[in-house]
Amino acid sequence: MPRGRSLIGALSWFKLDAMTAEEKTEWRDLILSGGPWSHEQKAGILAYCETDVEALDRLLPRLTHALQARPHWLQHALLRGRYIRAVAAMEYRGIPIDVSMLARLSERWEDIQAALIARICSEYPVFEGTRFRMDRFEALLAERAAPWPRTECGRLALDEETFRQQVRIHPWLAPIREARDNLAKMRLSSLSVGADGRNRTLLGIFGAKTGRNQPSNAKFIFGPSAWLRSLIKPEPGTALAYVDFSSQEVAIAAKLSGDRAMMDGYTSGDPYLAFAIHAAMAPADATKATHGTVRDQCKAVVLGIQYGMRERTLAQRIGTIPYRGRQLLRAHAEAYPRYWQWVDSILNCADLNGYIDTVFGWRLHVGADTRPTSLQNFPSQANGAEMLRLACSMAHEAGLQICAPVHDAILLESPLETMDRDVEHLREIMTEAGRIVLDGFPVRTDAEIVRAPDRYMDKRGEQMWRMVTELLNEKEGTGVPLEDTHAPWEDTGVPPSLIS
């Protein structure tokens, strides 16, 4: 945007008066200081807040005039405003947190951090003290026959995204990733938890180029490591449900490309195994149990292609030679030729028009630094964001108590007696949202329900959570099992540093 995305930028664009950015920053800093304020400062703060309201009152007619010239733009704007109403409700409700456990962990976190790193180092000899040794890590990978992507110069790729992807393939790597990248940096006090035991933070709506949310990784409970999500715990008499779209990106690519074979593969229930069968890499009666390795390879292909993955990277990801990666990519192109024609048309149209849109008009402008892989990935990610926004709006309007959007999922809170019914209602809404975005194509959903007094548990973080709680009990010298501790709704004396 030529003038930026702020209110001042919008006023400037339409040649309307606005306070300077310096003046706005000065008042904002005064407010964030938390006081105490003088009588004059209080009056000034109130007047400052009023200027935003008055500015919007001046801006709206200009925006309306501009949007009325393009009716579909106005509809898109109203649709996003509809989502903001649902976001306000989610940010107000928050996510229930086990503040008793959070307080215990925070009190002894430094000791637990050191003990965790020491234990991981003893089990996985890839550290020298707390220093990560690449040569030892490479030897461990060779010992376990675990393939690993490399950089162009032949060194192991050790960036965060590569580690994240590899942990999905090899779960035993999770503690190493935690020790190397997360444990030393993690500050539990950064989690935004209110006095009522609820995690609340700005959800960062429209924060990504694809339109997806970008909440603070430090403040949002779904931001840090997966094991920390076990602090999520429903209050008594309630339950939580994590309802997500199943293989959403594959469904979007299949329908938007019009590739009938890919659509059939998605509706079969397992698009990755369907690709293996369609490409003659597995028999027609193959299952996940009988052909798990082939399915995993095909999953890496199907998902990697949407990110523009090439043969070398694919081969490294699945632990094979580049020639095999090239074979798999060719097999995909032969199985889904209409999809590949669609990908070419996306790149060509984006270059010719200078932008690319979702079905509801979320636009990515193409510049000299826009990568082809970003364009190739945009339709699935951005239309997935449209689908989730619409589902959240519909769920809120239906009276469901939604707590947060999580990438392609919605966290739902309900009384125990109505949870099953509410989950089915939410799944129907999400399916309908998928049909609206994809012009009638059904998108499947999955649901995981956690009923009080149980806690939420992400499978990727289960091993680390058990290790953390075991060390916590050792440090406290209680030996008390985790679930025998106080519940999050009890008076726990949470430290002020944890109250936002």
Protein backbone atom coordinates (compact mmCIF):
# COMPACT_ATOMS: atom_id res chain seq x y z
CA MET A 1 0.00 0.00 0.00
CA PRO A 2 1.51 3.39 -1.00
CA ARG A 3 0.61 5.05 2.34
CA GLY A 4 0.72 1.94 4.51
CA ARG A 5 -2.12 0.04 6.17
CA SER A 6 -2.70 2.28 9.18
CA LEU A 7 -5.57 4.67 9.84
CA ILE A 8 -3.25 7.61 9.23
CA GLY A 9 -2.19 6.05 5.92
CA ALA A 10 -5.81 5.65 4.80
CA LEU A 11 -6.64 9.25 5.76
CA SER A 12 -3.57 10.46 3.90
CA TRP A 13 -4.53 8.48 0.79
CA PHE A 14 -7.94 10.18 0.68
CA LYS A 15 -6.37 13.58 1.49
CA LEU A 16 -8.11 13.86 4.86
CA ASP A 17 -6.62 15.58 7.89
CA ALA A 18 -4.94 13.34 10.45
CA MET A 19 -2.63 13.69 13.40
CA THR A 20 1.02 12.99 12.76
CA ALA A 21 2.46 9.55 13.36
CA GLU A 22 4.75 11.04 16.00
CA GLU A 23 1.82 12.52 17.92
CA LYS A 24 -0.10 9.23 17.74
CA THR A 25 2.93 7.31 19.02
CA GLU A 26 3.32 9.77 21.89
CA TRP A 27 -0.26 9.27 23.08
CA ARG A 28 -0.11 5.52 22.59
CA ASP A 29 3.07 5.26 24.66
CA LEU A 30 1.43 7.32 27.40
CA ILE A 31 -1.54 4.95 27.48
CA LEU A 32 0.66 1.83 27.50
CA SER A 33 2.65 3.21 30.41
CA GLY A 34 -0.27 2.22 32.61
CA GLY A 35 -0.44 5.47 34.58
CA PRO A 36 -0.96 6.98 37.00
CA TRP A 37 -2.04 9.94 34.87
CA SER A 38 -2.79 13.53 35.77
CA HIS A 39 -6.20 15.06 35.19
CA GLU A 40 -4.88 16.79 32.07
CA GLN A 41 -3.40 13.54 30.75
CA LYS A 42 -6.69 11.70 31.28
CA ALA A 43 -8.55 14.39 29.35
CA GLY A 44 -5.94 14.23 26.60
CA ILE A 45 -6.19 10.42 26.36
CA LEU A 46 -9.97 10.61 26.04
CA ALA A 47 -9.66 13.26 23.34
CA TYR A 48 -7.03 11.15 21.53
CA CYS A 49 -9.37 8.13 21.49
CA GLU A 50 -12.16 10.33 20.17
CA THR A 51 -10.00 11.42 17.23
CA ASP A 52 -9.96 7.84 15.92
CA VAL A 53 -13.76 7.70 16.00
CA GLU A 54 -14.05 11.06 14.26
CA ALA A 55 -11.46 10.02 11.69
CA LEU A 56 -13.43 6.89 10.83
CA ASP A 57 -16.56 9.02 10.50
CA ARG A 58 -14.77 11.13 7.88
CA LEU A 59 -13.17 8.15 6.18
CA LEU A 60 -16.28 5.95 5.77
CA PRO A 61 -18.00 8.08 3.08
CA ARG A 62 -14.83 8.13 1.01
CA LEU A 63 -14.41 4.37 1.34
CA THR A 64 -18.08 3.78 0.56
CA HIS A 65 -17.89 5.88 -2.59
CA ALA A 66 -14.80 3.98 -3.73
CA LEU A 67 -16.35 0.60 -2.97
CA GLN A 68 -19.74 1.33 -4.55
CA ALA A 69 -17.97 1.68 -7.89
CA ARG A 70 -17.04 -1.98 -7.49
CA PRO A 71 -19.97 -3.78 -5.78
CA HIS A 72 -18.08 -7.04 -5.33
CA TRP A 73 -15.38 -5.16 -3.38
CA LEU A 74 -18.05 -3.87 -1.01
CA GLN A 75 -19.33 -7.41 -0.47
CA HIS A 76 -15.80 -8.60 0.25
CA ALA A 77 -15.29 -5.77 2.75
CA LEU A 78 -18.56 -6.58 4.53
CA LEU A 79 -17.57 -10.25 4.67
CA ARG A 80 -14.30 -9.35 6.41
CA GLY A 81 -16.15 -7.06 8.79
CA ARG A 82 -18.44 -9.97 9.59
CA TYR A 83 -15.37 -12.01 10.56
CA ILE A 84 -14.04 -9.23 12.79
CA ARG A 85 -17.22 -9.49 14.86
CA ALA A 86 -16.52 -13.21 15.41
CA VAL A 87 -12.89 -12.41 16.25
CA ALA A 88 -13.99 -9.89 18.89
CA ALA A 89 -16.08 -12.62 20.54
CA MET A 90 -13.18 -15.09 20.46
CA GLU A 91 -10.70 -12.58 21.87
CA TYR A 92 -13.18 -11.77 24.62
CA ARG A 93 -13.84 -15.42 25.51
CA GLY A 94 -10.25 -16.67 25.50
CA ILE A 95 -8.92 -20.18 26.05
CA PRO A 96 -9.10 -21.88 29.48
CA ILE A 97 -5.65 -22.50 30.95
CA ASP A 98 -4.51 -24.65 33.87
CA VAL A 99 -3.07 -21.71 35.79
CA SER A 100 -2.09 -23.91 38.73
CA MET A 101 0.21 -25.93 36.52
CA LEU A 102 1.43 -22.79 34.77
CA ALA A 103 2.33 -21.25 38.14
CA ARG A 104 4.21 -24.38 39.22
CA LEU A 105 6.16 -24.52 35.96
CA SER A 106 6.95 -20.81 36.08
CA GLU A 107 8.24 -20.98 39.63
CA ARG A 108 10.80 -23.66 38.79
CA TRP A 109 11.23 -23.05 35.06
CA GLU A 110 14.95 -22.23 35.10
CA ASP A 111 15.75 -25.45 36.96
CA ILE A 112 13.46 -27.46 34.68
CA GLN A 113 15.02 -25.91 31.57
CA ALA A 114 18.51 -26.95 32.67
CA ALA A 115 17.36 -30.43 33.68
CA LEU A 116 15.49 -30.93 30.41
CA ILE A 117 18.48 -29.98 28.31
CA ALA A 118 20.71 -32.23 30.42
CA ARG A 119 18.34 -35.18 30.07
CA ILE A 120 17.96 -34.70 26.34
CA CYS A 121 21.73 -34.41 25.99
CA SER A 122 22.18 -37.69 27.85
CA GLU A 123 19.66 -39.50 25.64
CA TYR A 124 20.76 -37.87 22.38
CA PRO A 125 24.53 -37.19 22.41
CA VAL A 126 24.38 -34.33 19.96
CA PHE A 127 25.27 -31.63 22.48
CA GLU A 128 28.51 -30.63 24.07
CA GLY A 129 27.28 -29.05 27.26
CA THR A 130 24.46 -26.96 25.85
CA ARG A 131 26.16 -26.42 22.48
CA PHE A 132 24.63 -28.23 19.52
CA ARG A 133 27.22 -30.24 17.54
CA MET A 134 26.41 -30.73 13.88
CA ASP A 135 28.90 -33.57 13.44
CA ARG A 136 27.30 -35.54 16.28
CA PHE A 137 23.83 -34.85 14.93
CA GLU A 138 24.87 -36.06 11.49
CA ALA A 139 26.24 -39.25 13.02
CA LEU A 140 22.98 -39.82 14.91
CA LEU A 141 20.96 -39.38 11.72
CA ALA A 142 23.19 -41.90 9.94
CA GLU A 143 22.86 -44.35 12.83
CA ARG A 144 19.07 -44.16 12.69
CA ALA A 145 18.93 -44.09 8.88
CA ALA A 146 16.99 -40.82 9.02
CA PRO A 147 17.33 -38.71 5.85
CA TRP A 148 17.79 -34.97 6.24
CA PRO A 149 17.65 -32.07 3.74
CA ARG A 150 20.89 -30.27 2.96
CA THR A 151 21.81 -26.81 1.81
CA GLU A 152 23.31 -26.11 -1.62
CA CYS A 153 26.79 -26.37 -0.14
CA GLY A 154 26.03 -29.83 1.28
CA ARG A 155 25.60 -28.96 4.98
CA LEU A 156 22.60 -30.12 7.00
CA ALA A 157 19.73 -27.63 6.78
CA LEU A 158 19.12 -26.67 10.40
CA ASP A 159 16.56 -23.88 10.03
CA GLU A 160 13.38 -23.95 12.10
CA GLU A 161 11.07 -24.90 9.21
CA THR A 162 13.23 -27.89 8.25
CA PHE A 163 13.30 -29.11 11.85
CA ARG A 164 9.53 -28.72 12.07
CA GLN A 165 8.97 -30.74 8.91
CA GLN A 166 11.41 -33.45 9.97
CA VAL A 167 9.79 -33.86 13.39
CA ARG A 168 6.53 -34.65 11.61
CA ILE A 169 8.28 -37.48 9.80
CA HIS A 170 10.50 -38.60 12.71
CA PRO A 171 8.76 -37.80 16.05
CA TRP A 172 11.80 -38.96 18.05
CA LEU A 173 13.54 -35.75 16.91
CA ALA A 174 11.11 -33.56 18.90
CA PRO A 175 13.19 -33.38 22.12
CA ILE A 176 16.30 -32.42 20.13
CA ARG A 177 14.41 -29.65 18.39
CA GLU A 178 13.05 -28.43 21.72
CA ALA A 179 16.48 -28.39 23.35
CA ARG A 180 18.15 -26.69 20.41
CA ASP A 181 15.61 -24.06 19.38
CA ASN A 182 12.91 -23.59 21.98
CA LEU A 183 13.76 -24.42 25.57
CA ALA A 184 16.50 -21.84 26.04
CA LYS A 185 14.34 -19.08 24.54
CA MET A 186 11.00 -19.94 26.11
CA ARG A 187 9.59 -17.49 28.66
CA LEU A 188 6.43 -18.80 30.28
CA SER A 189 5.65 -15.35 31.65
CA SER A 190 5.12 -14.18 28.06
CA LEU A 191 1.89 -16.16 27.77
CA SER A 192 -1.01 -13.73 28.05
CA VAL A 193 -3.18 -15.24 30.81
CA GLY A 194 -5.79 -13.19 32.65
CA ALA A 195 -6.85 -13.36 36.29
CA ASP A 196 -9.74 -15.62 35.26
CA GLY A 197 -7.32 -18.22 33.87
CA ARG A 198 -8.01 -17.42 30.21
CA ASN A 199 -5.42 -16.99 27.48
CA ARG A 200 -6.28 -13.89 25.47
CA THR A 201 -4.29 -12.03 22.87
CA LEU A 202 -4.87 -10.23 19.61
CA LEU A 203 -5.42 -12.88 16.96
CA GLY A 204 -3.51 -10.92 14.34
CA ILE A 205 -6.25 -11.13 11.73
CA PHE A 206 -5.18 -10.68 8.10
CA GLY A 207 -1.60 -10.58 9.34
CA ALA A 208 -0.13 -12.85 6.66
CA LYS A 209 0.01 -12.17 2.92
CA THR A 210 -2.40 -15.07 2.50
CA GLY A 211 -4.87 -13.43 4.88
CA ARG A 212 -4.30 -15.97 7.64
CA ASN A 213 -4.12 -14.89 11.28
CA GLN A 214 -0.74 -14.13 12.83
CA PRO A 215 -1.12 -13.94 16.63
CA SER A 216 1.94 -13.47 18.81
CA ASN A 217 3.84 -16.75 19.13
CA ALA A 218 4.89 -15.76 22.63
CA LYS A 219 1.45 -14.69 23.92
CA PHE A 220 -0.87 -17.19 22.18
CA ILE A 221 -1.04 -20.67 23.72
CA PHE A 222 -0.89 -22.28 20.25
CA GLY A 223 2.23 -20.27 19.40
CA PRO A 224 5.04 -21.90 21.41
CA SER A 225 6.03 -25.56 21.38
CA ALA A 226 3.34 -28.21 21.01
CA TRP A 227 3.94 -29.64 24.50
CA LEU A 228 2.94 -26.36 26.15
CA ARG A 229 -0.56 -26.73 24.71
CA SER A 230 -1.20 -29.30 27.41
CA LEU A 231 -1.80 -26.30 29.68
CA ILE A 232 -5.17 -25.98 27.91
CA LYS A 233 -7.76 -27.52 30.21
CA PRO A 234 -11.57 -27.21 30.15
CA GLU A 235 -13.28 -25.81 33.21
CA PRO A 236 -15.55 -28.08 35.29
CA GLY A 237 -18.76 -29.01 33.58
CA THR A 238 -17.38 -28.07 30.16
CA ALA A 239 -15.48 -29.60 27.28
CA LEU A 240 -13.27 -28.36 24.45
CA ALA A 241 -13.26 -29.58 20.88
CA TYR A 242 -10.54 -29.08 18.29
CA VAL A 243 -12.35 -29.28 14.94
CA ASP A 244 -10.20 -29.00 11.82
CA PHE A 245 -10.58 -29.26 8.08
CA SER A 246 -9.17 -32.55 6.82
CA SER A 247 -6.48 -32.15 4.12
CA GLN A 248 -7.93 -28.72 3.39
CA GLU A 249 -5.16 -27.62 1.03
CA VAL A 250 -5.56 -30.74 -1.11
CA ALA A 251 -9.33 -30.20 -1.37
CA ILE A 252 -8.85 -26.59 -2.46
CA ALA A 253 -6.23 -27.43 -5.08
CA ALA A 254 -8.36 -30.29 -6.43
CA LYS A 255 -11.53 -28.23 -6.83
CA LEU A 256 -10.01 -24.97 -8.07
CA SER A 257 -7.90 -26.80 -10.63
CA GLY A 258 -10.88 -28.84 -11.80
CA ASP A 259 -8.78 -32.01 -11.77
CA ARG A 260 -11.34 -34.80 -11.51
CA ALA A 261 -8.81 -37.47 -10.53
CA MET A 262 -7.53 -35.30 -7.67
CA MET A 263 -11.09 -34.58 -6.52
CA ASP A 264 -11.90 -38.29 -6.56
CA GLY A 265 -8.74 -38.96 -4.58
CA TYR A 266 -9.80 -36.45 -1.92
CA THR A 267 -13.34 -37.79 -1.62
CA SER A 268 -11.93 -41.31 -1.20
CA GLY A 269 -10.87 -40.29 2.30
CA ASP A 270 -7.10 -40.57 1.85
CA PRO A 271 -5.74 -38.39 -0.98
CA TYR A 272 -2.16 -39.52 -0.36
CA LEU A 273 -2.90 -43.20 -0.73
CA ALA A 274 -5.18 -42.39 -3.66
CA PHE A 275 -2.20 -40.79 -5.42
CA ALA A 276 -0.10 -43.88 -4.74
CA ILE A 277 -2.78 -46.11 -6.26
CA HIS A 278 -3.44 -43.77 -9.20
CA ALA A 279 0.29 -43.62 -9.97
CA ALA A 280 0.55 -47.44 -9.80
CA MET A 281 2.79 -47.24 -6.74
CA ALA A 282 0.38 -49.29 -4.66
CA PRO A 283 -2.37 -51.85 -5.44
CA ALA A 284 -6.04 -50.85 -5.47
CA ASP A 285 -6.64 -52.57 -2.11
CA ALA A 286 -3.71 -50.82 -0.38
CA THR A 287 -4.28 -49.35 3.08
CA LYS A 288 -2.34 -47.13 5.42
CA ALA A 289 -1.39 -50.21 7.40
CA THR A 290 -0.16 -52.24 4.44
CA HIS A 291 1.58 -49.46 2.49
CA GLY A 292 2.47 -46.88 5.13
CA THR A 293 5.93 -46.11 3.73
CA VAL A 294 4.65 -45.51 0.21
CA ARG A 295 1.81 -43.39 1.59
CA ASP A 296 4.28 -41.25 3.55
CA GLN A 297 6.32 -40.66 0.40
CA CYS A 298 3.21 -39.72 -1.55
CA LYS A 299 2.06 -37.38 1.23
CA ALA A 300 5.39 -35.57 1.02
CA VAL A 301 4.89 -35.25 -2.74
CA VAL A 302 1.26 -34.04 -2.62
CA LEU A 303 1.89 -31.44 0.08
CA GLY A 304 5.37 -30.43 -1.09
CA ILE A 305 4.24 -29.73 -4.64
CA GLN A 306 1.84 -27.04 -3.40
CA TYR A 307 4.83 -25.24 -1.90
CA GLY A 308 6.76 -25.53 -5.15
CA MET A 309 9.05 -28.29 -3.88
CA ARG A 310 11.48 -29.55 -6.51
CA GLU A 311 13.08 -32.95 -7.01
CA ARG A 312 16.22 -32.34 -4.96
CA THR A 313 14.38 -31.02 -1.90
CA LEU A 314 11.76 -33.75 -2.17
CA ALA A 315 14.42 -36.43 -2.39
CA GLN A 316 16.15 -35.08 0.70
CA ARG A 317 12.86 -34.88 2.57
CA ILE A 318 12.01 -38.55 2.04
CA GLY A 319 15.58 -39.84 2.12
CA THR A 320 16.19 -40.90 -1.45
CA ILE A 321 18.23 -39.89 -4.48
CA PRO A 322 17.24 -36.95 -6.72
CA TYR A 323 16.32 -39.33 -9.53
CA ARG A 324 13.62 -40.88 -7.30
CA GLY A 325 12.35 -37.41 -6.45
CA ARG A 326 12.13 -36.67 -10.16
CA GLN A 327 10.19 -39.90 -10.72
CA LEU A 328 7.67 -39.01 -8.02
CA LEU A 329 7.12 -35.53 -9.44
CA ARG A 330 6.65 -36.99 -12.90
CA ALA A 331 4.18 -39.53 -11.51
CA HIS A 332 2.17 -36.69 -9.96
CA ALA A 333 2.17 -34.74 -13.23
CA GLU A 334 0.93 -37.81 -15.10
CA ALA A 335 -1.72 -38.57 -12.48
CA TYR A 336 -3.05 -35.01 -12.30
CA PRO A 337 -2.35 -33.20 -15.61
CA ARG A 338 -5.25 -30.75 -15.16
CA TYR A 339 -3.79 -29.62 -11.84
CA TRP A 340 -0.44 -28.82 -13.46
CA GLN A 341 -2.13 -26.87 -16.27
CA TRP A 342 -3.89 -24.86 -13.57
CA VAL A 343 -0.61 -24.15 -11.78
CA ASP A 344 0.88 -22.82 -15.04
CA SER A 345 -2.19 -20.63 -15.57
CA ILE A 346 -1.85 -19.19 -12.04
CA LEU A 347 1.74 -18.14 -12.67
CA ASN A 348 0.97 -16.73 -16.10
CA CYS A 349 -2.10 -14.76 -15.00
CA ALA A 350 -0.29 -13.38 -11.96
CA ASP A 351 2.54 -12.15 -14.19
CA LEU A 352 0.17 -10.62 -16.73
CA ASN A 353 -2.27 -9.01 -14.29
CA GLY A 354 0.18 -8.11 -11.54
CA TYR A 355 -1.92 -9.77 -8.85
CA ILE A 356 -3.72 -12.95 -7.83
CA ASP A 357 -7.07 -13.17 -6.00
CA THR A 358 -8.97 -15.64 -3.83
CA VAL A 359 -12.61 -16.48 -4.53
CA PHE A 360 -13.60 -13.66 -2.15
CA GLY A 361 -11.14 -11.12 -3.44
CA TRP A 362 -8.20 -11.35 -1.03
CA ARG A 363 -5.42 -10.08 -3.28
CA LEU A 364 -1.69 -10.67 -3.48
CA HIS A 365 0.12 -8.08 -5.57
CA VAL A 366 2.99 -9.45 -7.62
CA GLY A 367 6.29 -7.60 -7.43
CA ALA A 368 9.81 -8.19 -8.62
CA ASP A 369 10.62 -10.04 -5.41
CA THR A 370 7.53 -12.30 -5.47
CA ARG A 371 8.66 -15.90 -5.72
CA PRO A 372 6.88 -18.35 -8.04
CA THR A 373 6.57 -20.77 -5.12
CA SER A 374 4.60 -18.14 -3.17
CA LEU A 375 2.23 -17.73 -6.10
CA GLN A 376 1.83 -21.49 -6.45
CA ASN A 377 1.03 -21.85 -2.75
CA PHE A 378 -1.23 -18.80 -2.52
CA PRO A 379 -4.53 -20.29 -3.79
CA SER A 380 -4.56 -23.14 -1.27
CA GLN A 381 -3.42 -21.06 1.71
CA ALA A 382 -5.44 -17.92 1.01
CA ASN A 383 -8.66 -19.70 0.07
CA GLY A 384 -8.16 -21.87 3.15
CA ALA A 385 -8.08 -18.65 5.17
CA GLU A 386 -11.30 -17.51 3.48
CA MET A 387 -12.91 -20.82 4.40
CA LEU A 388 -11.88 -20.61 8.05
CA ARG A 389 -13.00 -16.97 8.36
CA LEU A 390 -16.41 -17.81 6.94
CA ALA A 391 -16.75 -20.83 9.23
CA CYS A 392 -15.88 -18.72 12.30
CA SER A 393 -18.42 -16.08 11.29
CA MET A 394 -21.17 -18.65 10.76
CA ALA A 395 -20.35 -20.47 14.01
CA HIS A 396 -20.45 -17.24 16.03
CA GLU A 397 -23.76 -16.23 14.44
CA ALA A 398 -25.15 -19.70 15.28
CA GLY A 399 -24.43 -19.05 18.97
CA LEU A 400 -21.54 -21.50 19.33
CA GLN A 401 -18.85 -20.58 21.88
CA ILE A 402 -15.75 -20.56 19.73
CA CYS A 403 -12.47 -19.73 21.48
CA ALA A 404 -9.92 -19.33 18.71
CA PRO A 405 -9.03 -20.10 15.09
CA VAL A 406 -5.90 -22.25 14.77
CA HIS A 407 -4.64 -22.28 11.16
CA ASP A 408 -7.29 -24.58 9.60
CA ALA A 409 -9.10 -25.48 12.83
CA ILE A 410 -11.53 -23.98 15.34
CA LEU A 411 -11.39 -24.46 19.11
CA LEU A 412 -14.90 -24.86 20.52
CA GLU A 413 -16.06 -24.67 24.15
CA SER A 414 -19.38 -26.11 25.31
CA PRO A 415 -21.13 -27.52 28.38
CA LEU A 416 -20.58 -31.25 28.75
CA GLU A 417 -24.21 -32.06 28.09
CA THR A 418 -24.31 -30.26 24.73
CA MET A 419 -20.78 -30.80 23.44
CA ASP A 420 -21.54 -33.71 21.10
CA ARG A 421 -24.43 -31.81 19.53
CA ASP A 422 -22.40 -28.61 19.27
CA VAL A 423 -19.49 -30.43 17.61
CA GLU A 424 -21.80 -31.87 14.98
CA HIS A 425 -23.29 -28.42 14.42
CA LEU A 426 -19.83 -26.89 14.01
CA ARG A 427 -18.78 -29.62 11.60
CA GLU A 428 -21.89 -28.98 9.52
CA ILE A 429 -21.06 -25.26 9.48
CA MET A 430 -17.46 -25.89 8.45
CA THR A 431 -18.57 -28.25 5.70
CA GLU A 432 -21.01 -25.62 4.47
CA ALA A 433 -18.27 -22.98 4.52
CA GLY A 434 -16.16 -25.30 2.40
CA ARG A 435 -19.00 -25.77 -0.06
CA ILE A 436 -19.47 -22.00 -0.36
CA VAL A 437 -15.80 -21.30 -1.01
CA LEU A 438 -15.36 -24.27 -3.35
CA ASP A 439 -18.64 -23.97 -5.22
CA GLY A 440 -20.31 -27.06 -3.79
CA PHE A 441 -17.28 -29.30 -3.24
CA PRO A 442 -17.48 -30.92 0.22
CA VAL A 443 -14.51 -30.53 2.56
CA ARG A 444 -14.23 -33.10 5.35
CA THR A 445 -13.61 -32.28 9.00
CA ASP A 446 -12.17 -34.10 12.01
CA ALA A 447 -12.92 -33.46 15.67
CA GLU A 448 -11.07 -34.18 18.91
CA ILE A 449 -13.02 -33.64 22.13
CA VAL A 450 -11.46 -33.08 25.57
CA ARG A 451 -13.85 -33.29 28.51
CA ALA A 452 -13.17 -31.95 31.99
CA PRO A 453 -11.20 -32.89 34.02
CA ASP A 454 -8.92 -34.08 31.18
CA ARG A 455 -6.50 -31.70 29.48
CA TYR A 456 -5.78 -31.00 25.83
CA MET A 457 -2.84 -33.00 24.49
CA ASP A 458 -1.08 -32.51 21.17
CA LYS A 459 0.46 -35.83 20.12
CA ARG A 460 3.58 -34.05 18.87
CA GLY A 461 4.23 -32.70 22.36
CA GLU A 462 3.09 -35.60 24.51
CA GLN A 463 6.57 -37.03 25.10
CA MET A 464 7.98 -33.64 26.10
CA TRP A 465 5.02 -32.86 28.38
CA ARG A 466 5.50 -36.08 30.31
CA MET A 467 9.21 -35.36 30.64
CA VAL A 468 8.51 -31.82 31.88
CA THR A 469 5.94 -32.89 34.47
CA GLU A 470 8.18 -35.71 35.69
CA LEU A 471 11.03 -33.26 36.24
CA LEU A 472 8.67 -30.80 37.91
CA ASN A 473 7.57 -33.40 40.44
CA GLU A 474 11.20 -34.29 41.08
CA LYS A 475 12.09 -30.63 41.69
CA GLU A 476 9.15 -30.21 44.02
CA GLY A 477 9.99 -33.47 45.75
CA THR A 478 6.36 -34.54 45.79
CA GLY A 479 6.18 -37.41 43.36
CA VAL A 480 2.53 -36.44 42.95
CA PRO A 481 1.04 -37.58 39.63
CA LEU A 482 0.20 -34.75 37.29
CA GLU A 483 -3.58 -35.08 37.36
CA ASP A 484 -3.65 -35.06 41.18
CA THR A 485 -2.65 -31.40 41.24
CA HIS A 486 -5.07 -28.53 41.81
CA ALA A 487 -7.51 -27.74 39.04
CA PRO A 488 -7.16 -24.46 37.11
CA TRP A 489 -10.31 -22.89 38.50
CA GLU A 490 -9.20 -23.17 42.13
CA ASP A 491 -7.58 -20.35 44.08
CA THR A 492 -3.99 -20.96 43.12
CA GLY A 493 -2.24 -17.73 44.00
CA VAL A 494 -0.96 -17.14 40.49
CA PRO A 495 2.09 -14.84 40.47
CA PRO A 496 1.32 -11.28 39.27
CA SER A 497 3.77 -11.77 36.38
CA LEU A 498 1.31 -14.25 34.88
CA ILE A 499 -1.67 -11.90 35.08
CA SER A 500 -2.07 -9.79 31.95
